[in-house]
Amino acid sequence: MTKLIIGIFGHRSDASLAIEELGEQGVKSARISMIAREKQEADIISQDTGLRKPQEGPGSEGLFGTARNLAIGLDLLPDTAVASGAAAAKAAGAEFGDDPGEDGLVVSLMSMGIPAEDAELYERHVDLKRILVLVLLQGEEAESDEKGVREILDRHEAIPLHAV
């Protein structure tokens, strides 16, 4: 059985402490992912916790990346998600917003098995510059470790999904 547990954090330090404690409790870093809006925040969390370097999606580096970031800053292009860990393959570079023609963060989260209504709420949290910490539990550990993972996330001030 596979379970995806998600914690929402309003501060970088809370997300970092939760990720560190998850590691101390035996959750492998390969099973922990992060999705954020702010690259700088994601970079710091990655450095502090040992998570893989955050990815921004295609066209985010070099001269094109600089021009793209400038256009985002001027609201000429939509902002995109930054992701680390296994979730990066699906969420890095996903756009925020309501354009049904775009493969935004909601679609990326739904492709991970998250129901559409919840995915929309998670996107709103990330759009508010909150940080998602995703923990993938598989096999026998899914049942036995779920409670412990949820307790760790809650202990570090995880925000309820419907608190947007």
C-alpha atoms as a PDB file:
ATOM      1  CA  MET A   1       0.000   0.000   0.000  1.00  0.00           C
ATOM      2  CA  THR A   2       1.207   3.524  -0.805  1.00  0.00           C
ATOM      3  CA  LYS A   3       0.320   6.650   1.155  1.00  0.00           C
ATOM      4  CA  LEU A   4       1.191  10.261   0.395  1.00  0.00           C
ATOM      5  CA  ILE A   5       1.181  12.476   3.467  1.00  0.00           C
ATOM      6  CA  ILE A   6       1.441  16.236   3.004  1.00  0.00           C
ATOM      7  CA  GLY A   7       2.303  18.922   5.532  1.00  0.00           C
ATOM      8  CA  ILE A   8       1.807  22.633   4.842  1.00  0.00           C
ATOM      9  CA  PHE A   9       4.208  25.061   6.484  1.00  0.00           C
ATOM     10  CA  GLY A  10       4.127  28.832   6.738  1.00  0.00           C
ATOM     11  CA  HIS A  11       7.787  29.218   7.647  1.00  0.00           C
ATOM     12  CA  ARG A  12      10.967  27.786   6.206  1.00  0.00           C
ATOM     13  CA  SER A  13      12.266  26.866   9.667  1.00  0.00           C
ATOM     14  CA  ASP A  14       9.179  24.766  10.480  1.00  0.00           C
ATOM     15  CA  ALA A  15       9.479  22.859   7.191  1.00  0.00           C
ATOM     16  CA  SER A  16      13.218  22.301   7.740  1.00  0.00           C
ATOM     17  CA  LEU A  17      12.760  21.045  11.292  1.00  0.00           C
ATOM     18  CA  ALA A  18       9.998  18.671  10.191  1.00  0.00           C
ATOM     19  CA  ILE A  19      12.147  17.280   7.360  1.00  0.00           C
ATOM     20  CA  GLU A  20      15.119  16.831   9.699  1.00  0.00           C
ATOM     21  CA  GLU A  21      13.000  15.015  12.292  1.00  0.00           C
ATOM     22  CA  LEU A  22      11.491  12.777   9.619  1.00  0.00           C
ATOM     23  CA  GLY A  23      15.037  11.774   8.667  1.00  0.00           C
ATOM     24  CA  GLU A  24      15.975  11.165  12.306  1.00  0.00           C
ATOM     25  CA  GLN A  25      12.956   8.863  12.601  1.00  0.00           C
ATOM     26  CA  GLY A  26      14.133   6.774   9.665  1.00  0.00           C
ATOM     27  CA  VAL A  27      12.249   8.245   6.716  1.00  0.00           C
ATOM     28  CA  LYS A  28      14.672   8.137   3.798  1.00  0.00           C
ATOM     29  CA  SER A  29      15.305  11.473   2.076  1.00  0.00           C
ATOM     30  CA  ALA A  30      14.331   9.871  -1.253  1.00  0.00           C
ATOM     31  CA  ARG A  31      10.775   9.586   0.156  1.00  0.00           C
ATOM     32  CA  ILE A  32      10.588  13.289   1.119  1.00  0.00           C
ATOM     33  CA  SER A  33       9.729  16.034  -1.370  1.00  0.00           C
ATOM     34  CA  MET A  34       9.101  19.748  -1.115  1.00  0.00           C
ATOM     35  CA  ILE A  35       7.101  22.184  -3.238  1.00  0.00           C
ATOM     36  CA  ALA A  36       7.406  25.947  -2.779  1.00  0.00           C
ATOM     37  CA  ARG A  37       6.907  29.202  -4.622  1.00  0.00           C
ATOM     38  CA  GLU A  38      10.096  30.946  -3.524  1.00  0.00           C
ATOM     39  CA  LYS A  39      13.302  29.477  -4.969  1.00  0.00           C
ATOM     40  CA  GLN A  40      15.488  31.073  -2.318  1.00  0.00           C
ATOM     41  CA  GLU A  41      13.418  29.512   0.468  1.00  0.00           C
ATOM     42  CA  ALA A  42      13.543  26.113  -1.250  1.00  0.00           C
ATOM     43  CA  ASP A  43      17.324  26.397  -1.714  1.00  0.00           C
ATOM     44  CA  ILE A  44      17.841  27.106   1.992  1.00  0.00           C
ATOM     45  CA  ILE A  45      15.597  24.227   3.066  1.00  0.00           C
ATOM     46  CA  SER A  46      17.458  21.922   0.693  1.00  0.00           C
ATOM     47  CA  GLN A  47      20.835  22.991   2.087  1.00  0.00           C
ATOM     48  CA  ASP A  48      19.655  22.712   5.699  1.00  0.00           C
ATOM     49  CA  THR A  49      18.081  19.268   5.328  1.00  0.00           C
ATOM     50  CA  GLY A  50      20.056  17.479   2.633  1.00  0.00           C
ATOM     51  CA  LEU A  51      17.133  17.253   0.213  1.00  0.00           C
ATOM     52  CA  ARG A  52      18.052  17.283  -3.456  1.00  0.00           C
ATOM     53  CA  LYS A  53      18.628  20.667  -5.062  1.00  0.00           C
ATOM     54  CA  PRO A  54      15.275  22.246  -5.963  1.00  0.00           C
ATOM     55  CA  GLN A  55      14.288  22.324  -9.625  1.00  0.00           C
ATOM     56  CA  GLU A  56      12.410  25.112 -11.353  1.00  0.00           C
ATOM     57  CA  GLY A  57      11.412  23.445 -14.585  1.00  0.00           C
ATOM     58  CA  PRO A  58      12.520  24.043 -18.162  1.00  0.00           C
ATOM     59  CA  GLY A  59      13.932  27.401 -19.213  1.00  0.00           C
ATOM     60  CA  SER A  60      14.915  28.519 -15.728  1.00  0.00           C
ATOM     61  CA  GLU A  61      18.674  28.850 -16.179  1.00  0.00           C
ATOM     62  CA  GLY A  62      21.062  30.980 -18.205  1.00  0.00           C
ATOM     63  CA  LEU A  63      20.095  34.076 -20.127  1.00  0.00           C
ATOM     64  CA  PHE A  64      16.602  32.765 -20.870  1.00  0.00           C
ATOM     65  CA  GLY A  65      16.081  32.041 -17.165  1.00  0.00           C
ATOM     66  CA  THR A  66      17.119  35.575 -16.234  1.00  0.00           C
ATOM     67  CA  ALA A  67      14.719  37.044 -18.790  1.00  0.00           C
ATOM     68  CA  ARG A  68      11.958  34.685 -17.609  1.00  0.00           C
ATOM     69  CA  ASN A  69      12.456  35.663 -13.957  1.00  0.00           C
ATOM     70  CA  LEU A  70      12.347  39.346 -14.916  1.00  0.00           C
ATOM     71  CA  ALA A  71       9.077  38.785 -16.809  1.00  0.00           C
ATOM     72  CA  ILE A  72       7.624  36.948 -13.798  1.00  0.00           C
ATOM     73  CA  GLY A  73       8.650  39.849 -11.552  1.00  0.00           C
ATOM     74  CA  LEU A  74       6.882  42.264 -13.882  1.00  0.00           C
ATOM     75  CA  ASP A  75       3.761  40.030 -13.955  1.00  0.00           C
ATOM     76  CA  LEU A  76       4.204  39.388 -17.675  1.00  0.00           C
ATOM     77  CA  LEU A  77       4.470  35.637 -17.075  1.00  0.00           C
ATOM     78  CA  PRO A  78       2.836  33.503 -14.371  1.00  0.00           C
ATOM     79  CA  ASP A  79       4.945  32.403 -11.419  1.00  0.00           C
ATOM     80  CA  THR A  80       5.939  28.746 -11.263  1.00  0.00           C
ATOM     81  CA  ALA A  81       6.539  26.160  -8.559  1.00  0.00           C
ATOM     82  CA  VAL A  82       9.950  25.081  -7.307  1.00  0.00           C
ATOM     83  CA  ALA A  83      10.207  21.443  -6.214  1.00  0.00           C
ATOM     84  CA  SER A  84      12.714  19.047  -4.703  1.00  0.00           C
ATOM     85  CA  GLY A  85      12.732  15.277  -4.365  1.00  0.00           C
ATOM     86  CA  ALA A  86      10.544  12.849  -6.265  1.00  0.00           C
ATOM     87  CA  ALA A  87       7.814  15.483  -6.701  1.00  0.00           C
ATOM     88  CA  ALA A  88      10.164  17.649  -8.760  1.00  0.00           C
ATOM     89  CA  ALA A  89       9.603  15.557 -11.879  1.00  0.00           C
ATOM     90  CA  LYS A  90       5.911  16.479 -11.874  1.00  0.00           C
ATOM     91  CA  ALA A  91       5.720  19.820 -10.047  1.00  0.00           C
ATOM     92  CA  ALA A  92       8.853  21.817 -10.921  1.00  0.00           C
ATOM     93  CA  GLY A  93       7.898  24.629 -13.263  1.00  0.00           C
ATOM     94  CA  ALA A  94       4.152  24.125 -12.841  1.00  0.00           C
ATOM     95  CA  GLU A  95       2.260  27.396 -13.113  1.00  0.00           C
ATOM     96  CA  PHE A  96      -0.140  28.907 -10.611  1.00  0.00           C
ATOM     97  CA  GLY A  97      -3.544  30.084 -11.698  1.00  0.00           C
ATOM     98  CA  ASP A  98      -6.913  29.218 -13.095  1.00  0.00           C
ATOM     99  CA  ASP A  99      -6.094  28.800 -16.784  1.00  0.00           C
ATOM    100  CA  PRO A 100      -7.526  25.375 -17.669  1.00  0.00           C
ATOM    101  CA  GLY A 101      -5.313  25.276 -20.757  1.00  0.00           C
ATOM    102  CA  GLU A 102      -2.154  25.188 -18.674  1.00  0.00           C
ATOM    103  CA  ASP A 103      -0.645  22.213 -16.895  1.00  0.00           C
ATOM    104  CA  GLY A 104      -0.454  24.025 -13.618  1.00  0.00           C
ATOM    105  CA  LEU A 105       0.320  22.899 -10.110  1.00  0.00           C
ATOM    106  CA  VAL A 106      -3.205  21.527  -9.621  1.00  0.00           C
ATOM    107  CA  VAL A 107      -2.754  19.136 -12.557  1.00  0.00           C
ATOM    108  CA  SER A 108       0.694  18.134 -11.260  1.00  0.00           C
ATOM    109  CA  LEU A 109      -0.698  17.359  -7.813  1.00  0.00           C
ATOM    110  CA  MET A 110      -3.605  15.418  -9.307  1.00  0.00           C
ATOM    111  CA  SER A 111      -1.111  13.311 -11.266  1.00  0.00           C
ATOM    112  CA  MET A 112       0.326  12.299  -7.882  1.00  0.00           C
ATOM    113  CA  GLY A 113      -3.073  10.936  -6.846  1.00  0.00           C
ATOM    114  CA  ILE A 114      -4.368  13.969  -4.954  1.00  0.00           C
ATOM    115  CA  PRO A 115      -8.087  14.667  -5.480  1.00  0.00           C
ATOM    116  CA  ALA A 116      -8.851  17.801  -7.557  1.00  0.00           C
ATOM    117  CA  GLU A 117     -10.495  19.721  -4.701  1.00  0.00           C
ATOM    118  CA  ASP A 118      -7.529  19.113  -2.387  1.00  0.00           C
ATOM    119  CA  ALA A 119      -5.029  19.893  -5.165  1.00  0.00           C
ATOM    120  CA  GLU A 120      -6.674  23.295  -5.652  1.00  0.00           C
ATOM    121  CA  LEU A 121      -6.344  24.031  -1.938  1.00  0.00           C
ATOM    122  CA  TYR A 122      -2.693  22.922  -1.891  1.00  0.00           C
ATOM    123  CA  GLU A 123      -2.004  25.209  -4.856  1.00  0.00           C
ATOM    124  CA  ARG A 124      -3.572  28.137  -2.979  1.00  0.00           C
ATOM    125  CA  HIS A 125      -1.299  27.451  -0.015  1.00  0.00           C
ATOM    126  CA  VAL A 126       1.804  27.422  -2.238  1.00  0.00           C
ATOM    127  CA  ASP A 127       0.588  30.568  -3.982  1.00  0.00           C
ATOM    128  CA  LEU A 128       0.477  32.169  -0.506  1.00  0.00           C
ATOM    129  CA  LYS A 129       4.206  31.318  -0.228  1.00  0.00           C
ATOM    130  CA  ARG A 130       3.667  28.345   2.035  1.00  0.00           C
ATOM    131  CA  ILE A 131       5.769  25.209   1.694  1.00  0.00           C
ATOM    132  CA  LEU A 132       4.455  21.697   1.048  1.00  0.00           C
ATOM    133  CA  VAL A 133       6.405  18.770   2.484  1.00  0.00           C
ATOM    134  CA  LEU A 134       5.350  15.482   0.892  1.00  0.00           C
ATOM    135  CA  VAL A 135       6.196  12.110   2.425  1.00  0.00           C
ATOM    136  CA  LEU A 136       5.680   8.954   0.390  1.00  0.00           C
ATOM    137  CA  LEU A 137       5.220   5.812   2.458  1.00  0.00           C
ATOM    138  CA  GLN A 138       5.142   2.445   0.704  1.00  0.00           C
ATOM    139  CA  GLY A 139       4.559  -1.162   1.597  1.00  0.00           C
ATOM    140  CA  GLU A 140       4.169  -2.272   5.176  1.00  0.00           C
ATOM    141  CA  GLU A 141       5.701   0.968   6.456  1.00  0.00           C
ATOM    142  CA  ALA A 142       2.752   2.960   5.077  1.00  0.00           C
ATOM    143  CA  GLU A 143       0.343   1.732   7.739  1.00  0.00           C
ATOM    144  CA  SER A 144       2.754   1.654  10.663  1.00  0.00           C
ATOM    145  CA  ASP A 145       4.536   4.956   9.961  1.00  0.00           C
ATOM    146  CA  GLU A 146       1.600   7.159   8.935  1.00  0.00           C
ATOM    147  CA  LYS A 147       0.680   8.186  12.472  1.00  0.00           C
ATOM    148  CA  GLY A 148       4.285   8.995  13.377  1.00  0.00           C
ATOM    149  CA  VAL A 149       4.788  11.077  10.228  1.00  0.00           C
ATOM    150  CA  ARG A 150       1.586  13.029  10.868  1.00  0.00           C
ATOM    151  CA  GLU A 151       2.658  13.668  14.478  1.00  0.00           C
ATOM    152  CA  ILE A 152       6.022  15.018  13.311  1.00  0.00           C
ATOM    153  CA  LEU A 153       4.404  17.339  10.774  1.00  0.00           C
ATOM    154  CA  ASP A 154       1.894  18.594  13.357  1.00  0.00           C
ATOM    155  CA  ARG A 155       4.614  19.087  15.978  1.00  0.00           C
ATOM    156  CA  HIS A 156       6.305  21.522  13.600  1.00  0.00           C
ATOM    157  CA  GLU A 157       3.251  23.724  13.084  1.00  0.00           C
ATOM    158  CA  ALA A 158       1.730  22.147   9.965  1.00  0.00           C
ATOM    159  CA  ILE A 159      -1.188  24.247   8.732  1.00  0.00           C
ATOM    160  CA  PRO A 160      -4.543  22.503   8.110  1.00  0.00           C
ATOM    161  CA  LEU A 161      -5.448  22.068   4.427  1.00  0.00           C
ATOM    162  CA  HIS A 162      -8.679  24.069   4.711  1.00  0.00           C
ATOM    163  CA  ALA A 163      -6.986  27.051   6.431  1.00  0.00           C
ATOM    164  CA  VAL A 164      -6.697  29.190   3.285  1.00  0.00           C
END
